[in-house]
């Protein structure tokens, strides 16, 4: 009889948790999404403000120069040795 009582308690807890997750799951998910969005805005929200700190007038021309590219292939790696097969 104790075995059936244990099985019944386990099933009751399982279905109770299943119902609670169905009711409160979407609320918990939206809360977690809202908190994640707030943290994201705190960490990365400053980038937009930095770009627009100086007001640009209509007709202004802004030229941003790119740094010159360095050729990676100009590095001397070593000598090339061609091998021939001997019979």
N, C-alpha and C. Protein backbone atom coordinates (compact mmCIF):
# COMPACT_ATOMS: atom_id res chain seq x y z
N UNK A 1 0.82 -1.19 0.00
CA UNK A 1 0.00 0.00 0.00
C UNK A 1 0.87 1.26 0.00
N UNK A 2 2.02 1.22 0.65
CA UNK A 2 2.89 2.39 0.71
C UNK A 2 3.48 2.68 -0.67
N UNK A 3 3.70 1.60 -1.44
CA UNK A 3 4.23 1.78 -2.78
C UNK A 3 3.24 2.54 -3.67
N UNK A 4 1.96 2.19 -3.60
CA UNK A 4 0.93 2.88 -4.39
C UNK A 4 0.78 4.33 -3.94
N UNK A 5 0.89 4.54 -2.64
CA UNK A 5 0.80 5.90 -2.11
C UNK A 5 1.96 6.75 -2.62
N UNK A 6 3.17 6.20 -2.70
CA UNK A 6 4.34 6.91 -3.21
C UNK A 6 4.17 7.23 -4.69
N UNK A 7 3.70 6.26 -5.46
CA UNK A 7 3.46 6.48 -6.89
C UNK A 7 2.41 7.57 -7.09
N UNK A 8 1.36 7.55 -6.29
CA UNK A 8 0.30 8.56 -6.39
C UNK A 8 0.84 9.95 -6.06
N UNK A 9 1.67 10.08 -5.06
CA UNK A 9 2.27 11.38 -4.69
C UNK A 9 3.18 11.87 -5.81
N UNK A 10 3.97 10.98 -6.39
CA UNK A 10 4.86 11.37 -7.49
C UNK A 10 4.06 11.86 -8.68
N UNK A 11 2.98 11.14 -9.04
CA UNK A 11 2.13 11.57 -10.16
C UNK A 11 1.44 12.90 -9.86
N UNK A 12 0.99 13.07 -8.62
CA UNK A 12 0.33 14.32 -8.24
C UNK A 12 1.29 15.50 -8.33
N UNK A 13 2.50 15.33 -7.86
CA UNK A 13 3.51 16.39 -7.95
C UNK A 13 3.85 16.67 -9.40
N UNK A 14 3.97 15.63 -10.22
CA UNK A 14 4.28 15.80 -11.64
C UNK A 14 3.21 16.64 -12.34
N UNK A 15 1.95 16.27 -12.16
CA UNK A 15 0.88 17.00 -12.83
C UNK A 15 0.70 18.41 -12.26
N UNK A 16 0.96 18.57 -10.99
CA UNK A 16 0.88 19.91 -10.40
C UNK A 16 1.96 20.81 -10.99
N UNK A 17 3.18 20.30 -11.11
CA UNK A 17 4.25 21.09 -11.73
C UNK A 17 3.95 21.38 -13.20
N UNK A 18 3.36 20.43 -13.89
CA UNK A 18 3.01 20.61 -15.29
C UNK A 18 1.98 21.74 -15.44
N UNK A 19 1.01 21.79 -14.56
CA UNK A 19 -0.01 22.85 -14.61
C UNK A 19 0.61 24.21 -14.25
N UNK A 20 1.46 24.24 -13.24
CA UNK A 20 2.10 25.49 -12.84
C UNK A 20 3.00 26.04 -13.94
N UNK A 21 3.72 25.17 -14.63
CA UNK A 21 4.57 25.62 -15.72
C UNK A 21 3.72 26.17 -16.86
N UNK A 22 2.57 25.56 -17.10
CA UNK A 22 1.70 26.04 -18.17
C UNK A 22 1.15 27.42 -17.83
N UNK A 23 0.83 27.67 -16.57
CA UNK A 23 0.29 28.96 -16.17
C UNK A 23 1.36 30.04 -16.07
N UNK A 24 2.47 29.70 -15.41
CA UNK A 24 3.47 30.72 -15.11
C UNK A 24 4.68 30.70 -16.04
N UNK A 25 4.79 29.74 -16.92
CA UNK A 25 5.91 29.65 -17.84
C UNK A 25 6.04 30.86 -18.75
N UNK A 26 4.96 31.27 -19.43
CA UNK A 26 5.06 32.44 -20.30
C UNK A 26 5.42 33.72 -19.54
N UNK A 27 4.92 33.86 -18.32
CA UNK A 27 5.25 35.04 -17.53
C UNK A 27 6.73 35.04 -17.14
N UNK A 28 7.24 33.89 -16.75
CA UNK A 28 8.66 33.79 -16.41
C UNK A 28 9.54 34.03 -17.63
N UNK A 29 9.12 33.53 -18.78
CA UNK A 29 9.89 33.72 -20.00
C UNK A 29 9.91 35.19 -20.40
N UNK A 30 8.77 35.87 -20.33
CA UNK A 30 8.75 37.29 -20.69
C UNK A 30 9.56 38.12 -19.69
N UNK A 31 9.53 37.74 -18.41
CA UNK A 31 10.34 38.44 -17.41
C UNK A 31 11.83 38.27 -17.71
N UNK A 32 12.24 37.05 -18.04
CA UNK A 32 13.65 36.80 -18.35
C UNK A 32 14.06 37.55 -19.62
N UNK A 33 13.18 37.60 -20.62
CA UNK A 33 13.50 38.31 -21.85
C UNK A 33 13.62 39.81 -21.59
N UNK A 34 12.76 40.34 -20.73
CA UNK A 34 12.81 41.77 -20.41
C UNK A 34 14.11 42.12 -19.67
N UNK A 35 14.50 41.27 -18.72
CA UNK A 35 15.74 41.52 -17.98
C UNK A 35 16.96 41.42 -18.90
N UNK A 36 16.95 40.46 -19.82
CA UNK A 36 18.05 40.32 -20.76
C UNK A 36 18.13 41.54 -21.66
N UNK A 37 17.00 42.04 -22.10
CA UNK A 37 16.98 43.24 -22.95
C UNK A 37 17.52 44.45 -22.18
N UNK A 38 17.15 44.59 -20.92
CA UNK A 38 17.65 45.70 -20.12
C UNK A 38 19.17 45.63 -19.97
N UNK A 39 19.70 44.45 -19.69
CA UNK A 39 21.15 44.29 -19.57
C UNK A 39 21.85 44.60 -20.89
N UNK A 40 21.25 44.16 -21.98
CA UNK A 40 21.83 44.43 -23.29
C UNK A 40 21.86 45.92 -23.56
N UNK A 41 20.78 46.62 -23.23
CA UNK A 41 20.74 48.07 -23.44
C UNK A 41 21.74 48.79 -22.54
N UNK A 42 21.94 48.31 -21.32
CA UNK A 42 22.92 48.91 -20.42
C UNK A 42 24.34 48.74 -20.97
N UNK A 43 24.63 47.55 -21.47
CA UNK A 43 25.99 47.26 -21.93
C UNK A 43 26.30 47.87 -23.29
N UNK A 44 25.34 47.85 -24.21
CA UNK A 44 25.62 48.25 -25.58
C UNK A 44 24.84 49.49 -26.01
N UNK A 45 24.10 50.10 -25.14
CA UNK A 45 23.31 51.27 -25.51
C UNK A 45 24.15 52.51 -25.74
N UNK A 46 25.36 52.58 -25.20
CA UNK A 46 26.20 53.75 -25.32
C UNK A 46 26.78 53.94 -26.71
N UNK A 47 26.79 52.90 -27.54
CA UNK A 47 27.39 53.03 -28.86
C UNK A 47 26.62 54.00 -29.74
N UNK A 48 25.31 53.97 -29.68
CA UNK A 48 24.52 54.88 -30.50
C UNK A 48 24.70 56.32 -30.06
N UNK A 49 24.84 56.54 -28.77
CA UNK A 49 25.01 57.90 -28.27
C UNK A 49 26.36 58.47 -28.65
N UNK A 50 27.39 57.67 -28.74
CA UNK A 50 28.72 58.15 -29.09
C UNK A 50 28.77 58.60 -30.54
N UNK A 51 28.05 57.96 -31.41
CA UNK A 51 28.09 58.30 -32.82
C UNK A 51 27.38 59.62 -33.10
N UNK A 52 26.38 59.96 -32.32
CA UNK A 52 25.58 61.15 -32.60
C UNK A 52 25.86 62.30 -31.62
N UNK A 53 27.05 62.32 -31.04
CA UNK A 53 27.34 63.38 -30.08
C UNK A 53 27.51 64.72 -30.77
N UNK A 54 28.10 64.74 -31.95
CA UNK A 54 28.24 66.01 -32.66
C UNK A 54 27.20 66.05 -33.78
N UNK A 55 26.45 67.13 -33.78
CA UNK A 55 25.39 67.30 -34.76
C UNK A 55 25.99 67.61 -36.12
N UNK A 56 25.51 66.96 -37.14
CA UNK A 56 25.97 67.23 -38.49
C UNK A 56 24.93 68.09 -39.19
N UNK A 57 25.39 69.13 -39.85
CA UNK A 57 24.48 70.01 -40.58
C UNK A 57 24.26 69.44 -41.97
N UNK A 58 23.14 69.78 -42.54
CA UNK A 58 22.84 69.32 -43.89
C UNK A 58 23.82 69.97 -44.85
N UNK A 59 24.44 69.18 -45.71
CA UNK A 59 25.40 69.68 -46.68
C UNK A 59 26.84 69.52 -46.23
N UNK A 60 27.08 69.16 -44.98
CA UNK A 60 28.46 68.95 -44.53
C UNK A 60 29.02 67.69 -45.16
N UNK A 61 30.29 67.74 -45.50
CA UNK A 61 30.97 66.58 -46.06
C UNK A 61 31.98 66.10 -45.02
N UNK A 62 31.87 64.83 -44.69
CA UNK A 62 32.77 64.24 -43.70
C UNK A 62 33.53 63.12 -44.39
N UNK A 63 34.84 63.19 -44.32
CA UNK A 63 35.68 62.17 -44.94
C UNK A 63 36.44 61.46 -43.82
N UNK A 64 36.21 60.18 -43.71
CA UNK A 64 36.94 59.37 -42.75
C UNK A 64 37.99 58.60 -43.53
N UNK A 65 39.25 58.79 -43.16
CA UNK A 65 40.32 58.09 -43.87
C UNK A 65 40.53 56.73 -43.23
N UNK A 66 40.71 55.76 -44.11
CA UNK A 66 40.98 54.41 -43.65
C UNK A 66 42.49 54.24 -43.48
N UNK A 67 42.91 53.49 -42.49
CA UNK A 67 44.35 53.24 -42.34
C UNK A 67 44.84 52.40 -43.51
N UNK A 68 46.09 52.60 -43.93
CA UNK A 68 46.60 51.81 -45.05
C UNK A 68 46.69 50.34 -44.67
N UNK A 69 46.37 49.49 -45.65
CA UNK A 69 46.43 48.05 -45.40
C UNK A 69 47.86 47.57 -45.56
N UNK A 70 48.22 46.65 -44.72
CA UNK A 70 49.53 46.03 -44.80
C UNK A 70 49.37 44.68 -45.47
N UNK A 71 50.22 44.41 -46.42
CA UNK A 71 50.15 43.12 -47.10
C UNK A 71 50.75 42.05 -46.22
N UNK A 72 49.95 41.04 -45.96
CA UNK A 72 50.41 39.93 -45.14
C UNK A 72 51.35 39.03 -45.93
N UNK A 73 51.24 39.09 -47.26
CA UNK A 73 52.06 38.20 -48.07
C UNK A 73 53.48 38.73 -48.22
N UNK A 74 53.75 39.94 -47.78
CA UNK A 74 55.09 40.49 -47.91
C UNK A 74 56.05 39.92 -46.87
N UNK A 75 55.54 39.20 -45.92
CA UNK A 75 56.41 38.59 -44.92
C UNK A 75 57.22 37.47 -45.55
N UNK A 76 58.48 37.41 -45.24
CA UNK A 76 59.33 36.36 -45.78
C UNK A 76 59.21 35.14 -44.88
N UNK A 77 58.64 34.11 -45.44
CA UNK A 77 58.38 32.91 -44.67
C UNK A 77 59.59 31.99 -44.68
N UNK A 78 60.22 31.88 -45.83
CA UNK A 78 61.37 31.00 -45.95
C UNK A 78 61.65 30.73 -47.41
N UNK A 79 62.62 29.90 -47.67
CA UNK A 79 62.99 29.57 -49.04
C UNK A 79 62.15 28.40 -49.53
N UNK A 80 61.90 28.42 -50.85
CA UNK A 80 61.18 27.32 -51.46
C UNK A 80 62.21 26.37 -52.06
N UNK A 81 62.13 25.13 -51.70
CA UNK A 81 63.07 24.13 -52.21
C UNK A 81 62.28 23.13 -53.03
N UNK A 82 62.69 22.96 -54.26
CA UNK A 82 62.03 22.01 -55.13
C UNK A 82 62.80 20.70 -55.08
N UNK A 83 62.11 19.63 -54.80
CA UNK A 83 62.73 18.32 -54.70
C UNK A 83 62.46 17.53 -55.97
N UNK A 84 63.41 16.76 -56.39
CA UNK A 84 63.25 15.88 -57.54
C UNK A 84 63.42 14.45 -57.08
N UNK A 85 62.67 13.58 -57.70
CA UNK A 85 62.78 12.17 -57.36
C UNK A 85 63.94 11.55 -58.10
N UNK A 86 64.72 10.75 -57.41
CA UNK A 86 65.83 10.06 -58.03
C UNK A 86 65.49 8.58 -58.18
N UNK A 87 65.85 8.01 -59.31
CA UNK A 87 65.58 6.59 -59.53
C UNK A 87 66.71 5.73 -59.07
